[in-house]
PDB file of N, CA and C in Angstrom:
ATOM      1  N   MET A   1      -5.366 -17.494  -4.638  1.00  0.00           N
ATOM      2  CA  MET A   1      -4.838 -16.382  -3.855  1.00  0.00           C
ATOM      3  C   MET A   1      -5.621 -15.371  -4.320  1.00  0.00           C
ATOM      4  N   THR A   2      -5.851 -14.493  -3.325  1.00  0.00           N
ATOM      5  CA  THR A   2      -6.235 -12.595  -3.095  1.00  0.00           C
ATOM      6  C   THR A   2      -5.346 -12.188  -2.785  1.00  0.00           C
ATOM      7  N   TYR A   3      -4.700 -10.812  -3.898  1.00  0.00           N
ATOM      8  CA  TYR A   3      -4.078  -9.937  -3.665  1.00  0.00           C
ATOM      9  C   TYR A   3      -4.384  -9.473  -2.368  1.00  0.00           C
ATOM     10  N   THR A   4      -3.608  -8.861  -1.058  1.00  0.00           N
ATOM     11  CA  THR A   4      -4.367  -7.764  -0.584  1.00  0.00           C
ATOM     12  C   THR A   4      -2.505  -7.087  -0.030  1.00  0.00           C
ATOM     13  N   HIS A   5      -3.148  -6.117   0.250  1.00  0.00           N
ATOM     14  CA  HIS A   5      -1.739  -5.139   0.159  1.00  0.00           C
ATOM     15  C   HIS A   5      -1.363  -5.122   1.329  1.00  0.00           C
ATOM     16  N   LEU A   6       0.079  -4.623   1.988  1.00  0.00           N
ATOM     17  CA  LEU A   6       0.551  -4.933   2.761  1.00  0.00           C
ATOM     18  C   LEU A   6       0.092  -4.372   4.227  1.00  0.00           C
ATOM     19  N   THR A   7      -0.117  -4.574   5.292  1.00  0.00           N
ATOM     20  CA  THR A   7      -0.626  -3.163   6.282  1.00  0.00           C
ATOM     21  C   THR A   7       0.828  -2.460   7.035  1.00  0.00           C
ATOM     22  N   GLN A   8       0.920  -1.902   7.530  1.00  0.00           N
ATOM     23  CA  GLN A   8       1.680  -0.859   8.328  1.00  0.00           C
ATOM     24  C   GLN A   8       2.584  -1.655   8.978  1.00  0.00           C
ATOM     25  N   ALA A   9       1.571  -2.738   9.823  1.00  0.00           N
ATOM     26  CA  ALA A   9       2.777  -3.515  10.911  1.00  0.00           C
ATOM     27  C   ALA A   9       3.194  -4.949  10.160  1.00  0.00           C
ATOM     28  N   GLU A  10       2.538  -4.832   8.995  1.00  0.00           N
ATOM     29  CA  GLU A  10       3.460  -6.462   8.075  1.00  0.00           C
ATOM     30  C   GLU A  10       4.873  -5.267   7.450  1.00  0.00           C
ATOM     31  N   ARG A  11       4.895  -4.256   7.304  1.00  0.00           N
ATOM     32  CA  ARG A  11       5.985  -3.506   7.027  1.00  0.00           C
ATOM     33  C   ARG A  11       7.097  -3.253   7.474  1.00  0.00           C
ATOM     34  N   TYR A  12       6.566  -3.279   8.874  1.00  0.00           N
ATOM     35  CA  TYR A  12       7.480  -3.229  10.046  1.00  0.00           C
ATOM     36  C   TYR A  12       8.351  -4.774  10.485  1.00  0.00           C
ATOM     37  N   GLN A  13       7.361  -5.758  10.433  1.00  0.00           N
ATOM     38  CA  GLN A  13       8.016  -7.182  10.235  1.00  0.00           C
ATOM     39  C   GLN A  13       8.877  -7.149   9.213  1.00  0.00           C
ATOM     40  N   VAL A  14       8.374  -6.716   7.754  1.00  0.00           N
ATOM     41  CA  VAL A  14       9.207  -6.858   6.858  1.00  0.00           C
ATOM     42  C   VAL A  14      11.141  -6.661   6.924  1.00  0.00           C
ATOM     43  N   GLU A  15      10.751  -5.036   7.605  1.00  0.00           N
ATOM     44  CA  GLU A  15      12.315  -4.669   8.147  1.00  0.00           C
ATOM     45  C   GLU A  15      12.504  -5.519   9.430  1.00  0.00           C
ATOM     46  N   ILE A  16      12.264  -5.496  10.157  1.00  0.00           N
ATOM     47  CA  ILE A  16      12.752  -6.878  11.427  1.00  0.00           C
ATOM     48  C   ILE A  16      13.371  -7.933  10.653  1.00  0.00           C
ATOM     49  N   LEU A  17      12.820  -8.590   9.851  1.00  0.00           N
ATOM     50  CA  LEU A  17      13.515  -9.794   9.102  1.00  0.00           C
ATOM     51  C   LEU A  17      14.986  -9.322   8.652  1.00  0.00           C
ATOM     52  N   LEU A  18      14.306  -8.621   7.372  1.00  0.00           N
ATOM     53  CA  LEU A  18      15.497  -7.842   7.067  1.00  0.00           C
ATOM     54  C   LEU A  18      17.154  -7.927   7.763  1.00  0.00           C
ATOM     55  N   LYS A  19      16.609  -7.180   8.811  1.00  0.00           N
ATOM     56  CA  LYS A  19      18.011  -6.750   9.580  1.00  0.00           C
ATOM     57  C   LYS A  19      18.133  -7.624  10.216  1.00  0.00           C
ATOM     58  N   ALA A  20      17.561  -9.419  10.508  1.00  0.00           N
ATOM     59  CA  ALA A  20      17.943 -10.308  11.374  1.00  0.00           C
ATOM     60  C   ALA A  20      18.636 -10.733   9.922  1.00  0.00           C
ATOM     61  N   GLY A  21      18.757 -10.424   8.588  1.00  0.00           N
ATOM     62  CA  GLY A  21      19.317 -11.234   7.734  1.00  0.00           C
ATOM     63  C   GLY A  21      18.740 -12.205   7.048  1.00  0.00           C
ATOM     64  N   HIS A  22      17.686 -12.290   7.153  1.00  0.00           N
ATOM     65  CA  HIS A  22      16.794 -13.429   6.245  1.00  0.00           C
ATOM     66  C   HIS A  22      16.593 -12.954   4.628  1.00  0.00           C
ATOM     67  N   LYS A  23      16.556 -13.508   3.862  1.00  0.00           N
ATOM     68  CA  LYS A  23      16.390 -13.639   2.265  1.00  0.00           C
ATOM     69  C   LYS A  23      14.712 -13.030   2.113  1.00  0.00           C
ATOM     70  N   GLN A  24      14.941 -12.756   0.636  1.00  0.00           N
ATOM     71  CA  GLN A  24      13.207 -12.537   0.239  1.00  0.00           C
ATOM     72  C   GLN A  24      12.367 -13.170   0.649  1.00  0.00           C
ATOM     73  N   ASN A  25      12.695 -15.084   0.187  1.00  0.00           N
ATOM     74  CA  ASN A  25      11.873 -15.984  -0.010  1.00  0.00           C
ATOM     75  C   ASN A  25      11.779 -16.293   1.097  1.00  0.00           C
ATOM     76  N   VAL A  26      12.833 -16.325   2.508  1.00  0.00           N
ATOM     77  CA  VAL A  26      12.400 -16.999   3.981  1.00  0.00           C
ATOM     78  C   VAL A  26      11.251 -15.891   4.483  1.00  0.00           C
ATOM     79  N   ILE A  27      11.472 -14.309   4.292  1.00  0.00           N
ATOM     80  CA  ILE A  27      10.634 -13.415   4.476  1.00  0.00           C
ATOM     81  C   ILE A  27       9.211 -13.863   4.268  1.00  0.00           C
ATOM     82  N   ALA A  28       8.883 -13.703   2.774  1.00  0.00           N
ATOM     83  CA  ALA A  28       7.651 -14.335   2.153  1.00  0.00           C
ATOM     84  C   ALA A  28       7.038 -15.336   3.011  1.00  0.00           C
ATOM     85  N   ARG A  29       7.838 -16.737   2.875  1.00  0.00           N
ATOM     86  CA  ARG A  29       7.288 -17.851   3.467  1.00  0.00           C
ATOM     87  C   ARG A  29       6.536 -17.762   4.755  1.00  0.00           C
ATOM     88  N   LEU A  30       7.380 -16.708   5.770  1.00  0.00           N
ATOM     89  CA  LEU A  30       7.251 -16.528   7.169  1.00  0.00           C
ATOM     90  C   LEU A  30       6.151 -15.629   7.227  1.00  0.00           C
ATOM     91  N   MET A  31       6.047 -14.760   6.492  1.00  0.00           N
ATOM     92  CA  MET A  31       4.615 -13.874   6.443  1.00  0.00           C
ATOM     93  C   MET A  31       3.598 -14.389   5.710  1.00  0.00           C
ATOM     94  N   GLU A  32       3.740 -15.661   5.295  1.00  0.00           N
ATOM     95  CA  GLU A  32       3.022 -16.242   4.331  1.00  0.00           C
ATOM     96  C   GLU A  32       2.008 -15.447   3.390  1.00  0.00           C
ATOM     97  N   ARG A  33       2.942 -15.544   2.954  1.00  0.00           N
ATOM     98  CA  ARG A  33       2.842 -13.630   1.519  1.00  0.00           C
ATOM     99  C   ARG A  33       3.828 -14.578  -0.008  1.00  0.00           C
ATOM    100  N   ASP A  34       3.436 -13.907  -1.393  1.00  0.00           N
ATOM    101  CA  ASP A  34       3.982 -14.639  -2.115  1.00  0.00           C
ATOM    102  C   ASP A  34       5.479 -13.733  -2.552  1.00  0.00           C
ATOM    103  N   LYS A  35       6.644 -14.446  -2.862  1.00  0.00           N
ATOM    104  CA  LYS A  35       7.725 -13.980  -2.513  1.00  0.00           C
ATOM    105  C   LYS A  35       7.708 -12.475  -3.375  1.00  0.00           C
ATOM    106  N   SER A  36       6.867 -12.429  -5.069  1.00  0.00           N
ATOM    107  CA  SER A  36       6.905 -11.613  -5.476  1.00  0.00           C
ATOM    108  C   SER A  36       6.209 -10.449  -4.855  1.00  0.00           C
ATOM    109  N   CYS A  37       5.661 -10.481  -3.733  1.00  0.00           N
ATOM    110  CA  CYS A  37       5.276  -9.693  -2.995  1.00  0.00           C
ATOM    111  C   CYS A  37       6.107  -8.641  -2.278  1.00  0.00           C
ATOM    112  N   ILE A  38       7.196  -9.457  -1.730  1.00  0.00           N
ATOM    113  CA  ILE A  38       7.938  -8.876  -1.347  1.00  0.00           C
ATOM    114  C   ILE A  38       9.172  -8.602  -1.723  1.00  0.00           C
ATOM    115  N   SER A  39       9.536  -9.317  -2.796  1.00  0.00           N
ATOM    116  CA  SER A  39      10.282  -7.962  -3.550  1.00  0.00           C
ATOM    117  C   SER A  39       9.828  -7.312  -4.217  1.00  0.00           C
ATOM    118  N   ARG A  40       8.397  -7.155  -4.722  1.00  0.00           N
ATOM    119  CA  ARG A  40       7.982  -5.445  -5.142  1.00  0.00           C
ATOM    120  C   ARG A  40       8.219  -4.609  -4.224  1.00  0.00           C
ATOM    121  N   GLU A  41       8.001  -5.074  -2.880  1.00  0.00           N
ATOM    122  CA  GLU A  41       7.436  -4.261  -1.975  1.00  0.00           C
ATOM    123  C   GLU A  41       8.802  -3.614  -1.957  1.00  0.00           C
ATOM    124  N   LEU A  42       9.905  -4.395  -1.944  1.00  0.00           N
ATOM    125  CA  LEU A  42      11.365  -3.870  -1.621  1.00  0.00           C
ATOM    126  C   LEU A  42      11.755  -2.797  -2.226  1.00  0.00           C
ATOM    127  N   ARG A  43      11.234  -3.044  -3.794  1.00  0.00           N
ATOM    128  CA  ARG A  43      11.601  -3.031  -4.945  1.00  0.00           C
ATOM    129  C   ARG A  43      11.379  -1.092  -5.104  1.00  0.00           C
ATOM    130  N   ARG A  44      10.051  -1.219  -4.873  1.00  0.00           N
ATOM    131  CA  ARG A  44       9.644   0.013  -4.765  1.00  0.00           C
ATOM    132  C   ARG A  44       9.380   0.814  -3.589  1.00  0.00           C
ATOM    133  N   ASN A  45       9.888   0.309  -2.213  1.00  0.00           N
ATOM    134  CA  ASN A  45      10.086   1.161  -1.495  1.00  0.00           C
ATOM    135  C   ASN A  45      11.325   1.490  -0.727  1.00  0.00           C
ATOM    136  N   ARG A  46      12.587   1.244  -1.529  1.00  0.00           N
ATOM    137  CA  ARG A  46      13.978   1.021  -0.478  1.00  0.00           C
ATOM    138  C   ARG A  46      14.669   2.262  -1.369  1.00  0.00           C
ATOM    139  N   GLY A  47      15.157   3.006  -0.348  1.00  0.00           N
ATOM    140  CA  GLY A  47      15.304   4.777  -0.458  1.00  0.00           C
ATOM    141  C   GLY A  47      16.809   4.377  -0.274  1.00  0.00           C
ATOM    142  N   GLN A  48      17.392   5.731  -0.205  1.00  0.00           N
ATOM    143  CA  GLN A  48      19.002   5.374  -0.392  1.00  0.00           C
ATOM    144  C   GLN A  48      19.462   4.845   1.147  1.00  0.00           C
ATOM    145  N   ARG A  49      18.514   5.295   1.922  1.00  0.00           N
ATOM    146  CA  ARG A  49      18.890   4.634   3.282  1.00  0.00           C
ATOM    147  C   ARG A  49      18.190   2.953   3.609  1.00  0.00           C
ATOM    148  N   GLY A  50      17.583   2.572   2.637  1.00  0.00           N
ATOM    149  CA  GLY A  50      17.806   1.408   3.106  1.00  0.00           C
ATOM    150  C   GLY A  50      15.945   1.365   3.085  1.00  0.00           C
ATOM    151  N   TYR A  51      15.422   0.061   3.555  1.00  0.00           N
ATOM    152  CA  TYR A  51      14.277   0.044   3.603  1.00  0.00           C
ATOM    153  C   TYR A  51      13.509   0.811   5.058  1.00  0.00           C
ATOM    154  N   ARG A  52      12.471   1.436   4.627  1.00  0.00           N
ATOM    155  CA  ARG A  52      12.079   2.421   6.320  1.00  0.00           C
ATOM    156  C   ARG A  52      10.850   1.882   5.862  1.00  0.00           C
ATOM    157  N   PRO A  53      10.177   1.068   6.722  1.00  0.00           N
ATOM    158  CA  PRO A  53       8.514   1.242   6.462  1.00  0.00           C
ATOM    159  C   PRO A  53       7.270   1.569   6.986  1.00  0.00           C
ATOM    160  N   LYS A  54       7.969   3.330   7.857  1.00  0.00           N
ATOM    161  CA  LYS A  54       6.829   4.310   8.178  1.00  0.00           C
ATOM    162  C   LYS A  54       6.864   5.062   6.621  1.00  0.00           C
ATOM    163  N   GLN A  55       7.952   4.748   5.970  1.00  0.00           N
ATOM    164  CA  GLN A  55       7.890   5.836   4.592  1.00  0.00           C
ATOM    165  C   GLN A  55       7.654   4.984   3.292  1.00  0.00           C
ATOM    166  N   ALA A  56       7.694   3.759   3.642  1.00  0.00           N
ATOM    167  CA  ALA A  56       7.155   2.941   2.180  1.00  0.00           C
ATOM    168  C   ALA A  56       5.960   3.049   2.556  1.00  0.00           C
ATOM    169  N   HIS A  57       4.900   2.727   3.962  1.00  0.00           N
ATOM    170  CA  HIS A  57       3.590   2.940   3.699  1.00  0.00           C
ATOM    171  C   HIS A  57       3.220   4.533   3.486  1.00  0.00           C
ATOM    172  N   THR A  58       3.856   5.552   3.905  1.00  0.00           N
ATOM    173  CA  THR A  58       3.353   6.400   3.111  1.00  0.00           C
ATOM    174  C   THR A  58       3.542   6.595   1.536  1.00  0.00           C
ATOM    175  N   LEU A  59       4.466   6.269   0.964  1.00  0.00           N
ATOM    176  CA  LEU A  59       4.411   6.103  -0.202  1.00  0.00           C
ATOM    177  C   LEU A  59       3.566   4.764  -1.420  1.00  0.00           C
ATOM    178  N   ALA A  60       3.171   4.150  -0.284  1.00  0.00           N
ATOM    179  CA  ALA A  60       2.232   2.866  -0.937  1.00  0.00           C
ATOM    180  C   ALA A  60       0.935   3.467  -0.669  1.00  0.00           C
ATOM    181  N   ARG A  61       0.441   4.700   0.407  1.00  0.00           N
ATOM    182  CA  ARG A  61      -0.960   5.186   0.069  1.00  0.00           C
ATOM    183  C   ARG A  61      -1.018   6.558  -0.868  1.00  0.00           C
ATOM    184  N   THR A  62      -0.031   7.067  -0.781  1.00  0.00           N
ATOM    185  CA  THR A  62       0.224   7.785  -1.730  1.00  0.00           C
ATOM    186  C   THR A  62       0.103   7.394  -3.040  1.00  0.00           C
ATOM    187  N   ARG A  63       0.668   6.299  -3.768  1.00  0.00           N
ATOM    188  CA  ARG A  63       0.894   5.674  -4.969  1.00  0.00           C
ATOM    189  C   ARG A  63      -1.118   4.821  -5.310  1.00  0.00           C
ATOM    190  N   LYS A  64      -1.511   4.475  -3.949  1.00  0.00           N
ATOM    191  CA  LYS A  64      -2.796   4.212  -4.042  1.00  0.00           C
ATOM    192  C   LYS A  64      -3.880   5.400  -4.344  1.00  0.00           C
ATOM    193  N   GLN A  65      -3.197   7.089  -3.934  1.00  0.00           N
ATOM    194  CA  GLN A  65      -4.558   7.910  -3.911  1.00  0.00           C
ATOM    195  C   GLN A  65      -4.516   8.379  -5.298  1.00  0.00           C
ATOM    196  N   ALA A  66      -2.861   8.519  -6.128  1.00  0.00           N
ATOM    197  CA  ALA A  66      -3.095   8.903  -7.269  1.00  0.00           C
ATOM    198  C   ALA A  66      -3.147   7.829  -8.012  1.00  0.00           C
ATOM    199  N   CYS A  67      -3.756   6.873  -7.804  1.00  0.00           N
ATOM    200  CA  CYS A  67      -3.619   5.788  -9.294  1.00  0.00           C
ATOM    201  C   CYS A  67      -4.889   6.095 -10.138  1.00  0.00           C
ATOM    202  N   ALA A  68      -5.524   5.548 -11.339  1.00  0.00           N
ATOM    203  CA  ALA A  68      -6.011   5.743 -12.052  1.00  0.00           C
ATOM    204  C   ALA A  68      -7.786   5.445 -11.624  1.00  0.00           C
ATOM    205  N   ASN A  69      -7.537   4.307 -10.376  1.00  0.00           N
ATOM    206  CA  ASN A  69      -8.631   4.014 -10.012  1.00  0.00           C
ATOM    207  C   ASN A  69      -9.333   4.707  -9.068  1.00  0.00           C
ATOM    208  N   GLY A  70      -8.717   5.151  -8.488  1.00  0.00           N
ATOM    209  CA  GLY A  70      -8.682   5.831  -7.381  1.00  0.00           C
ATOM    210  C   GLY A  70      -9.792   7.212  -7.526  1.00  0.00           C
ATOM    211  N   PRO A  71      -9.922   7.710  -6.188  1.00  0.00           N
ATOM    212  CA  PRO A  71     -11.671   8.021  -5.777  1.00  0.00           C
ATOM    213  C   PRO A  71     -11.261   9.585  -7.668  1.00  0.00           C
ATOM    214  N   ARG A  72     -12.060   9.706  -7.726  1.00  0.00           N
ATOM    215  CA  ARG A  72     -12.086  11.137  -8.761  1.00  0.00           C
ATOM    216  C   ARG A  72     -12.568  12.194  -8.353  1.00  0.00           C
ATOM    217  N   VAL A  73     -13.856  11.740  -7.672  1.00  0.00           N
ATOM    218  CA  VAL A  73     -15.043  13.349  -7.602  1.00  0.00           C
ATOM    219  C   VAL A  73     -14.684  13.216  -6.298  1.00  0.00           C
ATOM    220  N   ASP A  74     -14.671  14.148  -4.990  1.00  0.00           N
ATOM    221  CA  ASP A  74     -14.741  14.367  -3.656  1.00  0.00           C
ATOM    222  C   ASP A  74     -15.842  14.108  -3.417  1.00  0.00           C
ATOM    223  N   ALA A  75     -16.410  13.913  -1.893  1.00  0.00           N
ATOM    224  CA  ALA A  75     -17.341  13.359  -1.096  1.00  0.00           C
ATOM    225  C   ALA A  75     -18.605  14.942  -1.237  1.00  0.00           C
ATOM    226  N   LYS A  76     -17.761  15.981  -1.653  1.00  0.00           N
ATOM    227  CA  LYS A  76     -18.488  17.056  -1.257  1.00  0.00           C
ATOM    228  C   LYS A  76     -19.024  17.662  -2.808  1.00  0.00           C
ATOM    229  N   THR A  77     -18.666  16.941  -3.878  1.00  0.00           N
ATOM    230  CA  THR A  77     -19.014  17.007  -4.747  1.00  0.00           C
ATOM    231  C   THR A  77     -20.486  16.728  -5.068  1.00  0.00           C
ATOM    232  N   TRP A  78     -20.225  14.846  -4.611  1.00  0.00           N
ATOM    233  CA  TRP A  78     -21.203  14.339  -4.579  1.00  0.00           C
ATOM    234  C   TRP A  78     -22.481  14.372  -4.167  1.00  0.00           C
ATOM    235  N   GLU A  79     -22.234  15.178  -2.798  1.00  0.00           N
ATOM    236  CA  GLU A  79     -23.670  16.118  -2.106  1.00  0.00           C
ATOM    237  C   GLU A  79     -23.622  16.600  -3.115  1.00  0.00           C
ATOM    238  N   LEU A  80     -23.474  17.919  -3.693  1.00  0.00           N
ATOM    239  CA  LEU A  80     -24.041  18.949  -4.698  1.00  0.00           C
ATOM    240  C   LEU A  80     -24.819  18.059  -5.689  1.00  0.00           C
ATOM    241  N   VAL A  81     -24.144  16.963  -5.991  1.00  0.00           N
ATOM    242  CA  VAL A  81     -24.614  16.519  -7.323  1.00  0.00           C
ATOM    243  C   VAL A  81     -26.417  15.779  -6.872  1.00  0.00           C
ATOM    244  N   GLU A  82     -25.937  14.994  -5.829  1.00  0.00           N
ATOM    245  CA  GLU A  82     -27.779  14.541  -4.884  1.00  0.00           C
ATOM    246  C   GLU A  82     -28.132  16.154  -4.743  1.00  0.00           C
ATOM    247  N   GLU A  83     -27.672  16.674  -4.445  1.00  0.00           N
ATOM    248  CA  GLU A  83     -29.072  18.008  -3.655  1.00  0.00           C
ATOM    249  C   GLU A  83     -29.538  18.649  -5.109  1.00  0.00           C
ATOM    250  N   LYS A  84     -28.732  18.594  -6.764  1.00  0.00           N
ATOM    251  CA  LYS A  84     -29.871  19.101  -7.555  1.00  0.00           C
ATOM    252  C   LYS A  84     -30.324  18.107  -8.293  1.00  0.00           C
ATOM    253  N   LEU A  85     -30.086  16.737  -8.345  1.00  0.00           N
ATOM    254  CA  LEU A  85     -30.832  16.240  -8.943  1.00  0.00           C
ATOM    255  C   LEU A  85     -32.342  15.782  -7.870  1.00  0.00           C
ATOM    256  N   LYS A  86     -32.523  15.911  -6.456  1.00  0.00           N
ATOM    257  CA  LYS A  86     -33.588  15.327  -5.899  1.00  0.00           C
ATOM    258  C   LYS A  86     -34.008  17.007  -6.024  1.00  0.00           C
ATOM    259  N   MET A  87     -33.437  18.046  -6.612  1.00  0.00           N
ATOM    260  CA  MET A  87     -34.612  19.156  -6.962  1.00  0.00           C
ATOM    261  C   MET A  87     -35.167  19.196  -7.760  1.00  0.00           C
ATOM    262  N   ASN A  88     -34.810  18.627  -9.106  1.00  0.00           N
ATOM    263  CA  ASN A  88     -34.892  18.344 -10.501  1.00  0.00           C
ATOM    264  C   ASN A  88     -35.783  17.331  -9.926  1.00  0.00           C
ATOM    265  N   GLY A  89     -35.831  16.465  -9.779  1.00  0.00           N
ATOM    266  CA  GLY A  89     -36.324  15.352  -9.723  1.00  0.00           C
ATOM    267  C   GLY A  89     -37.966  15.094  -8.427  1.00  0.00           C
TER     268      GLY A  89
END
């Protein structure tokens, strides 16, 4: 099984199923996800007011951008580098 991040729609589905009283393992089965995926999602993104999918999605995107494997050089810098290489080549 390969790992894919939860989509915003899936995060809303998690919220609905939680509010309906389903346990994490049931949510995972219904969404065809591993139970650890749902557990991690709730642990990382549960705030003082509970699980909020919009906030969870924003937090996940922020973490992804800040990670070590994220883009380190912006597009404008790459354009400048390519331009300079063409001038010297």
